[in-house]
Amino acid sequence: MGAKVLERFPAGAPRGSWPAEEYAAERREEGEPATVVMDLKSDAFLVVVPAEGD
């Protein structure tokens, strides 16, 4: 299963701030099946959707 990265956010957001989750929620409201995953190598949260054709 592949995924398309819509946006990336640094993992060091201020306490109580969830910019990746907020961005993903906005995409879901628009009808995109956005999910947040952690990229350990880059220490970032990625907002992804399934790649087309999957």
Protein backbone atom coordinates (compact mmCIF):
# COMPACT_ATOMS: atom_id res chain seq x y z
CA MET A 1 0.00 0.00 0.00
CA GLY A 2 1.41 3.37 -1.00
CA ALA A 3 0.61 6.77 0.38
CA LYS A 4 0.83 10.34 -0.86
CA VAL A 5 2.26 12.86 1.61
CA LEU A 6 0.14 16.02 1.72
CA GLU A 7 2.12 17.89 4.37
CA ARG A 8 4.85 17.38 6.96
CA PHE A 9 5.13 18.95 10.40
CA PRO A 10 8.12 18.92 12.77
CA ALA A 11 7.63 16.75 15.83
CA GLY A 12 8.73 19.59 18.14
CA ALA A 13 5.44 21.52 18.18
CA PRO A 14 4.66 23.39 21.40
CA ARG A 15 2.93 21.40 24.14
CA GLY A 16 -0.82 21.19 23.51
CA SER A 17 -0.40 22.02 19.82
CA TRP A 18 -1.28 19.37 17.25
CA PRO A 19 -0.85 21.02 13.82
CA ALA A 20 -0.65 17.74 11.90
CA GLU A 21 -3.86 16.44 13.48
CA GLU A 22 -5.62 19.75 12.84
CA TYR A 23 -4.50 19.76 9.19
CA ALA A 24 -5.63 16.15 8.73
CA ALA A 25 -9.02 16.94 10.29
CA GLU A 26 -9.49 19.82 7.84
CA ARG A 27 -8.67 17.50 4.91
CA ARG A 28 -11.14 14.89 6.22
CA GLU A 29 -13.85 17.58 6.38
CA GLU A 30 -13.13 18.18 2.68
CA GLY A 31 -13.61 14.47 1.96
CA GLU A 32 -9.99 13.27 1.82
CA PRO A 33 -9.15 10.20 3.94
CA ALA A 34 -6.17 11.92 5.60
CA THR A 35 -4.20 10.17 8.34
CA VAL A 36 -1.26 11.28 10.48
CA VAL A 37 1.81 9.04 10.70
CA MET A 38 5.21 9.54 12.33
CA ASP A 39 8.37 9.47 10.21
CA LEU A 40 11.03 8.48 12.73
CA LYS A 41 13.96 9.13 10.37
CA SER A 42 13.04 12.79 9.86
CA ASP A 43 11.39 13.26 13.29
CA ALA A 44 8.27 14.63 11.64
CA PHE A 45 4.56 13.95 11.48
CA LEU A 46 3.26 13.31 7.97
CA VAL A 47 -0.30 13.83 6.81
CA VAL A 48 -0.94 11.16 4.19
CA VAL A 49 -3.71 9.85 1.97
CA PRO A 50 -3.79 6.52 0.12
CA ALA A 51 -1.97 6.71 -3.21
CA GLU A 52 -4.20 6.74 -6.26
CA GLY A 53 -4.77 3.26 -7.59
CA ASP A 54 -4.53 1.59 -4.16
